[in-house]
């Protein structure tokens, strides 16, 4: 099984992804590691990425997912996965790819981004990401509020996975 922690910047994808991987005893890969230098530079400058910027990035993540599947390994990835079409690329038609949508309000996300250090993402891009976001439905993802504690989020995800 492949889990993908998704949501806009500041939702806690990395922290929750790492915790899920630890609890599931599998590998963790941050989707940001697959961004090109050009994408990171754009975001650092506060320039929103376009679909053309994102397609190669998404395809690279999908290739990493396929490597894990071919090795018969469970894994947790992170990726903003803002649009259904992006999730379709990452899913690749596989039933064992499960999205975990970390949902939060603008206010909570904005506050988190204001206190985050050492990341290339310019906090001014939050509204652009929210405008691009196509929230997944129940058929597409496990949805969990980021207002829960990280431990409670992971617990809820694991409960929901068992119910699927």
Protein backbone atom coordinates (compact mmCIF):
# COMPACT_ATOMS: atom_id res chain seq x y z
CA UNK A 1 0.00 0.00 0.00
CA UNK A 2 1.07 3.56 -0.78
CA UNK A 3 -0.20 6.47 1.32
CA UNK A 4 0.10 10.03 0.07
CA UNK A 5 -0.30 12.80 2.65
CA UNK A 6 -1.76 15.72 0.70
CA UNK A 7 -2.85 19.30 1.25
CA UNK A 8 -1.62 22.84 0.83
CA UNK A 9 1.64 24.09 2.27
CA UNK A 10 1.54 24.31 6.05
CA UNK A 11 -0.91 21.43 6.46
CA UNK A 12 1.73 19.25 8.11
CA UNK A 13 2.29 16.75 5.30
CA UNK A 14 5.90 16.03 6.22
CA UNK A 15 5.32 15.61 9.94
CA UNK A 16 2.23 13.44 9.49
CA UNK A 17 3.87 11.48 6.67
CA UNK A 18 6.90 10.71 8.82
CA UNK A 19 4.69 9.66 11.72
CA UNK A 20 2.55 7.42 9.51
CA UNK A 21 5.64 5.77 8.04
CA UNK A 22 7.00 5.15 11.52
CA UNK A 23 3.72 3.64 12.74
CA UNK A 24 3.37 1.52 9.58
CA UNK A 25 7.07 0.60 9.64
CA UNK A 26 7.64 1.61 6.05
CA UNK A 27 9.64 4.17 4.11
CA UNK A 28 8.85 7.88 3.88
CA UNK A 29 9.53 10.13 0.88
CA UNK A 30 8.81 13.85 0.81
CA UNK A 31 7.46 14.86 -2.59
CA UNK A 32 9.22 18.22 -2.30
CA UNK A 33 12.50 16.36 -2.86
CA UNK A 34 11.38 15.74 -6.45
CA UNK A 35 10.85 19.42 -7.32
CA UNK A 36 13.28 20.80 -9.86
CA UNK A 37 15.60 23.63 -8.86
CA UNK A 38 13.56 25.89 -11.15
CA UNK A 39 10.32 25.02 -9.33
CA UNK A 40 11.90 25.66 -5.94
CA UNK A 41 13.29 28.98 -7.15
CA UNK A 42 9.87 30.07 -8.45
CA UNK A 43 8.19 29.23 -5.17
CA UNK A 44 10.95 30.92 -3.17
CA UNK A 45 10.31 34.08 -5.21
CA UNK A 46 6.56 33.85 -4.55
CA UNK A 47 5.69 32.80 -8.11
CA UNK A 48 2.93 30.15 -8.24
CA UNK A 49 3.69 26.96 -10.15
CA UNK A 50 1.72 26.24 -13.29
CA UNK A 51 0.42 22.89 -14.49
CA UNK A 52 3.36 22.80 -16.89
CA UNK A 53 5.72 23.14 -13.90
CA UNK A 54 3.92 20.42 -11.97
CA UNK A 55 3.47 17.65 -14.58
CA UNK A 56 7.14 16.54 -14.68
CA UNK A 57 7.28 16.69 -10.87
CA UNK A 58 4.15 14.54 -10.52
CA UNK A 59 5.42 12.01 -13.07
CA UNK A 60 8.68 11.70 -11.13
CA UNK A 61 6.78 11.01 -7.92
CA UNK A 62 4.63 8.46 -9.76
CA UNK A 63 7.79 6.69 -10.96
CA UNK A 64 9.01 6.50 -7.34
CA UNK A 65 5.64 5.07 -6.30
CA UNK A 66 5.91 2.43 -9.03
CA UNK A 67 9.40 1.48 -7.80
CA UNK A 68 7.97 0.82 -4.34
CA UNK A 69 5.09 -1.17 -5.81
CA UNK A 70 7.39 -3.31 -7.98
CA UNK A 71 9.51 -4.03 -4.90
CA UNK A 72 6.28 -4.95 -3.06
CA UNK A 73 7.00 -2.33 -0.41
CA UNK A 74 4.56 -0.16 1.50
CA UNK A 75 5.50 3.52 1.58
CA UNK A 76 4.31 6.95 2.60
CA UNK A 77 4.80 9.93 0.28
CA UNK A 78 3.84 13.57 0.55
CA UNK A 79 2.58 15.73 -2.29
CA UNK A 80 0.24 18.70 -2.29
CA UNK A 81 -1.90 16.91 -4.92
CA UNK A 82 -4.03 20.02 -5.32
CA UNK A 83 -6.11 18.91 -8.30
CA UNK A 84 -7.94 15.69 -9.03
CA UNK A 85 -5.98 15.40 -12.28
CA UNK A 86 -2.73 15.50 -10.26
CA UNK A 87 -4.06 12.79 -7.95
CA UNK A 88 -5.02 10.73 -11.00
CA UNK A 89 -1.40 10.86 -12.22
CA UNK A 90 -0.09 9.84 -8.80
CA UNK A 91 -2.71 7.12 -8.37
CA UNK A 92 -2.08 5.71 -11.83
CA UNK A 93 -5.30 3.69 -11.57
CA UNK A 94 -3.96 1.70 -8.61
CA UNK A 95 -6.35 0.84 -5.80
CA UNK A 96 -3.49 0.54 -3.30
CA UNK A 97 -2.65 4.27 -3.53
CA UNK A 98 -4.55 6.05 -0.75
CA UNK A 99 -4.62 9.81 -0.26
CA UNK A 100 -4.79 11.41 3.18
CA UNK A 101 -6.11 14.97 2.88
CA UNK A 102 -4.90 17.20 5.71
CA UNK A 103 -7.58 19.87 5.75
CA UNK A 104 -7.24 23.22 7.45
CA UNK A 105 -8.59 26.75 7.44
CA UNK A 106 -6.73 29.67 5.89
CA UNK A 107 -6.18 31.14 9.35
CA UNK A 108 -4.52 28.03 10.81
CA UNK A 109 -2.44 27.42 7.68
CA UNK A 110 -1.34 31.07 7.48
CA UNK A 111 -0.29 31.08 11.13
CA UNK A 112 1.75 27.90 10.64
CA UNK A 113 3.50 29.30 7.57
CA UNK A 114 4.41 32.51 9.39
CA UNK A 115 6.33 30.55 12.01
CA UNK A 116 7.97 28.01 9.67
CA UNK A 117 11.66 28.46 8.94
CA UNK A 118 14.08 26.90 6.48
CA UNK A 119 11.59 26.07 3.73
CA UNK A 120 11.69 27.32 0.14
CA UNK A 121 7.93 27.98 -0.03
CA UNK A 122 6.98 31.67 0.14
CA UNK A 123 4.00 31.99 2.53
CA UNK A 124 2.41 34.53 0.16
CA UNK A 125 1.58 31.57 -2.13
CA UNK A 126 -0.90 30.06 0.33
CA UNK A 127 -3.93 31.76 -1.22
CA UNK A 128 -2.82 30.63 -4.69
CA UNK A 129 -2.67 27.03 -3.46
CA UNK A 130 -6.09 27.30 -1.83
CA UNK A 131 -7.50 28.76 -5.05
CA UNK A 132 -6.04 25.83 -7.02
CA UNK A 133 -7.13 23.17 -4.51
CA UNK A 134 -9.87 20.81 -5.63
CA UNK A 135 -10.79 19.16 -2.35
CA UNK A 136 -11.02 15.39 -2.67
CA UNK A 137 -14.29 13.67 -1.90
CA UNK A 138 -14.77 10.64 0.32
CA UNK A 139 -14.26 8.46 -2.75
CA UNK A 140 -10.77 9.89 -3.19
CA UNK A 141 -9.21 10.44 0.22
CA UNK A 142 -9.30 10.05 3.94
CA UNK A 143 -9.90 13.60 5.22
CA UNK A 144 -8.58 14.69 8.61
CA UNK A 145 -8.61 18.12 10.25
CA UNK A 146 -5.19 19.62 10.95
CA UNK A 147 -6.60 21.13 14.11
CA UNK A 148 -6.21 17.72 15.77
CA UNK A 149 -2.89 16.87 17.38
CA UNK A 150 -0.42 15.04 15.12
CA UNK A 151 -0.90 11.84 17.14
CA UNK A 152 -4.70 12.12 16.83
CA UNK A 153 -4.39 12.71 13.08
CA UNK A 154 -2.28 9.57 12.64
CA UNK A 155 -4.65 7.55 14.84
CA UNK A 156 -7.65 8.74 12.78
CA UNK A 157 -5.92 7.88 9.49
CA UNK A 158 -5.14 4.37 10.72
CA UNK A 159 -8.73 3.85 11.89
CA UNK A 160 -10.09 5.09 8.54
CA UNK A 161 -7.70 2.83 6.62
CA UNK A 162 -9.10 -0.21 8.44
CA UNK A 163 -12.64 0.85 7.51
CA UNK A 164 -11.82 1.08 3.79
